[in-house]
Structure formats: structure tokens, C-alpha cells
Amino acid sequence: MREPTFLILTALASGRKHGYALIAEAAELSGNRVQLKVGTLYAALDRLSDEGLWPRRATR
């Protein structure tokens, strides 16, 4: 697992968050070494969902 994906999972451990909060928390957790881009974030979330590690949010 790559570091950005690990940081996203770590940020999600306390519950669902919106994209900006995940990006900000990943930066904080990494001491600002990792600056996620929106495309990277959502690609990682899709991958985690496909692997069964994080549930997709139901569409309304």
C-alpha cells in the first residue's frame, strides 16, 4: 500500500470526511510531506472501495 492510500485510510479511521478534510488530514499526518491532489484522493477511494476496504457511499 502506498503512503497516500495509508494516510487516507488513517484519516478515515475516525469516520467519514469530505474530500478537503481528507486532504488536510493527510498533509497533517505526514508533516506536510504528502499533498494529495483531488484526482489522487478519489482514485484511491475508488480503489479502496473496489478492494472492500472502504464502503462506497450510497447515491441518493
N, C-alpha and C. Protein backbone atom coordinates (compact mmCIF):
# COMPACT_ATOMS: atom_id res chain seq x y z
N MET A 1 0.85 -1.17 0.00
CA MET A 1 0.00 0.00 0.00
C MET A 1 0.89 1.24 0.00
N ARG A 2 0.57 2.15 -0.85
CA ARG A 2 1.35 3.40 -0.93
C ARG A 2 0.99 4.35 0.22
N GLU A 3 1.92 5.22 0.52
CA GLU A 3 1.72 6.13 1.65
C GLU A 3 0.46 6.98 1.53
N PRO A 4 0.15 7.58 0.38
CA PRO A 4 -1.08 8.37 0.31
C PRO A 4 -2.33 7.56 0.66
N THR A 5 -2.39 6.32 0.20
CA THR A 5 -3.54 5.47 0.50
C THR A 5 -3.59 5.16 1.99
N PHE A 6 -2.44 4.87 2.59
CA PHE A 6 -2.38 4.63 4.03
C PHE A 6 -2.86 5.85 4.81
N LEU A 7 -2.44 7.03 4.38
CA LEU A 7 -2.85 8.26 5.07
C LEU A 7 -4.35 8.49 4.93
N ILE A 8 -4.90 8.19 3.78
CA ILE A 8 -6.35 8.33 3.58
C ILE A 8 -7.09 7.38 4.52
N LEU A 9 -6.67 6.13 4.59
CA LEU A 9 -7.31 5.17 5.49
C LEU A 9 -7.18 5.61 6.95
N THR A 10 -6.03 6.13 7.31
CA THR A 10 -5.82 6.61 8.67
C THR A 10 -6.77 7.76 8.97
N ALA A 11 -6.91 8.68 8.02
CA ALA A 11 -7.82 9.81 8.20
C ALA A 11 -9.27 9.35 8.31
N LEU A 12 -9.62 8.28 7.60
CA LEU A 12 -10.98 7.77 7.61
C LEU A 12 -11.28 6.90 8.84
N ALA A 13 -10.27 6.55 9.60
CA ALA A 13 -10.46 5.65 10.74
C ALA A 13 -11.47 6.20 11.75
N SER A 14 -11.55 7.50 11.86
CA SER A 14 -12.48 8.10 12.83
C SER A 14 -13.86 8.37 12.23
N GLY A 15 -14.05 8.03 10.96
CA GLY A 15 -15.36 8.21 10.33
C GLY A 15 -15.26 8.93 9.00
N ARG A 16 -16.39 9.06 8.35
CA ARG A 16 -16.44 9.71 7.03
C ARG A 16 -16.04 11.18 7.13
N LYS A 17 -15.38 11.64 6.10
CA LYS A 17 -14.99 13.05 6.00
C LYS A 17 -15.15 13.46 4.55
N HIS A 18 -15.32 14.74 4.33
CA HIS A 18 -15.38 15.22 2.95
C HIS A 18 -13.96 15.33 2.39
N GLY A 19 -13.86 15.51 1.09
CA GLY A 19 -12.57 15.47 0.40
C GLY A 19 -11.53 16.44 0.95
N TYR A 20 -11.93 17.70 1.17
CA TYR A 20 -10.97 18.69 1.65
C TYR A 20 -10.42 18.28 3.01
N ALA A 21 -11.28 17.75 3.89
CA ALA A 21 -10.82 17.33 5.22
C ALA A 21 -9.83 16.17 5.11
N LEU A 22 -10.06 15.25 4.17
CA LEU A 22 -9.12 14.15 3.97
C LEU A 22 -7.77 14.65 3.47
N ILE A 23 -7.81 15.58 2.54
CA ILE A 23 -6.57 16.15 2.01
C ILE A 23 -5.79 16.86 3.12
N ALA A 24 -6.51 17.65 3.91
CA ALA A 24 -5.86 18.39 5.01
C ALA A 24 -5.30 17.44 6.07
N GLU A 25 -6.06 16.41 6.41
CA GLU A 25 -5.58 15.48 7.44
C GLU A 25 -4.39 14.65 6.95
N ALA A 26 -4.41 14.26 5.68
CA ALA A 26 -3.26 13.53 5.13
C ALA A 26 -2.01 14.40 5.19
N ALA A 27 -2.14 15.68 4.88
CA ALA A 27 -1.00 16.59 4.97
C ALA A 27 -0.50 16.69 6.41
N GLU A 28 -1.44 16.83 7.34
CA GLU A 28 -1.06 16.94 8.75
C GLU A 28 -0.38 15.67 9.25
N LEU A 29 -0.96 14.52 8.93
CA LEU A 29 -0.40 13.25 9.37
C LEU A 29 1.02 13.02 8.83
N SER A 30 1.29 13.54 7.63
CA SER A 30 2.59 13.32 7.01
C SER A 30 3.58 14.45 7.29
N GLY A 31 3.21 15.39 8.13
CA GLY A 31 4.08 16.53 8.38
C GLY A 31 4.25 17.37 7.13
N ASN A 32 3.19 17.45 6.33
CA ASN A 32 3.13 18.21 5.07
C ASN A 32 4.03 17.64 3.97
N ARG A 33 4.49 16.41 4.13
CA ARG A 33 5.27 15.78 3.06
C ARG A 33 4.37 15.34 1.92
N VAL A 34 3.15 14.91 2.26
CA VAL A 34 2.21 14.43 1.24
C VAL A 34 1.12 15.47 1.05
N GLN A 35 1.03 15.98 -0.14
CA GLN A 35 0.00 16.94 -0.52
C GLN A 35 -0.88 16.28 -1.59
N LEU A 36 -1.98 15.69 -1.15
CA LEU A 36 -2.85 14.97 -2.07
C LEU A 36 -3.53 15.92 -3.05
N LYS A 37 -3.64 15.49 -4.27
CA LYS A 37 -4.44 16.17 -5.28
C LYS A 37 -5.81 15.51 -5.28
N VAL A 38 -6.82 16.23 -5.70
CA VAL A 38 -8.19 15.71 -5.71
C VAL A 38 -8.28 14.41 -6.51
N GLY A 39 -7.67 14.37 -7.68
CA GLY A 39 -7.72 13.17 -8.51
C GLY A 39 -7.09 11.97 -7.83
N THR A 40 -6.00 12.20 -7.12
CA THR A 40 -5.33 11.12 -6.38
C THR A 40 -6.22 10.62 -5.27
N LEU A 41 -6.84 11.53 -4.55
CA LEU A 41 -7.72 11.17 -3.45
C LEU A 41 -8.87 10.28 -3.92
N TYR A 42 -9.58 10.73 -4.95
CA TYR A 42 -10.76 9.98 -5.38
C TYR A 42 -10.40 8.68 -6.09
N ALA A 43 -9.27 8.64 -6.76
CA ALA A 43 -8.81 7.38 -7.35
C ALA A 43 -8.48 6.38 -6.25
N ALA A 44 -7.85 6.85 -5.18
CA ALA A 44 -7.52 5.97 -4.06
C ALA A 44 -8.79 5.49 -3.36
N LEU A 45 -9.77 6.37 -3.19
CA LEU A 45 -11.03 5.96 -2.56
C LEU A 45 -11.75 4.91 -3.41
N ASP A 46 -11.74 5.10 -4.73
CA ASP A 46 -12.34 4.10 -5.63
C ASP A 46 -11.63 2.76 -5.49
N ARG A 47 -10.32 2.80 -5.46
CA ARG A 47 -9.52 1.57 -5.34
C ARG A 47 -9.80 0.88 -3.99
N LEU A 48 -9.85 1.66 -2.91
CA LEU A 48 -10.14 1.09 -1.60
C LEU A 48 -11.53 0.47 -1.58
N SER A 49 -12.47 1.12 -2.21
CA SER A 49 -13.82 0.58 -2.28
C SER A 49 -13.86 -0.71 -3.10
N ASP A 50 -13.17 -0.71 -4.24
CA ASP A 50 -13.12 -1.91 -5.09
C ASP A 50 -12.50 -3.09 -4.35
N GLU A 51 -11.55 -2.81 -3.45
CA GLU A 51 -10.88 -3.85 -2.68
C GLU A 51 -11.63 -4.22 -1.41
N GLY A 52 -12.77 -3.57 -1.17
CA GLY A 52 -13.58 -3.86 0.01
C GLY A 52 -13.04 -3.28 1.29
N LEU A 53 -12.12 -2.32 1.20
CA LEU A 53 -11.53 -1.72 2.39
C LEU A 53 -12.28 -0.48 2.88
N TRP A 54 -13.13 0.07 2.02
CA TRP A 54 -13.93 1.23 2.41
C TRP A 54 -15.21 1.19 1.59
N PRO A 55 -16.37 1.28 2.26
CA PRO A 55 -17.64 1.18 1.52
C PRO A 55 -17.92 2.45 0.69
N ARG A 56 -18.44 2.22 -0.48
CA ARG A 56 -18.88 3.36 -1.29
C ARG A 56 -20.09 3.97 -0.62
N ARG A 57 -20.17 5.26 -0.73
CA ARG A 57 -21.34 5.95 -0.19
C ARG A 57 -22.50 5.72 -1.13
N ALA A 58 -23.63 5.43 -0.55
CA ALA A 58 -24.83 5.19 -1.38
C ALA A 58 -25.23 6.49 -2.07
N THR A 59 -25.61 6.35 -3.32
CA THR A 59 -26.09 7.54 -4.04
C THR A 59 -27.52 7.81 -3.66
N ARG A 60 -27.86 9.07 -3.66
CA ARG A 60 -29.22 9.46 -3.25
C ARG A 60 -30.10 9.61 -4.45
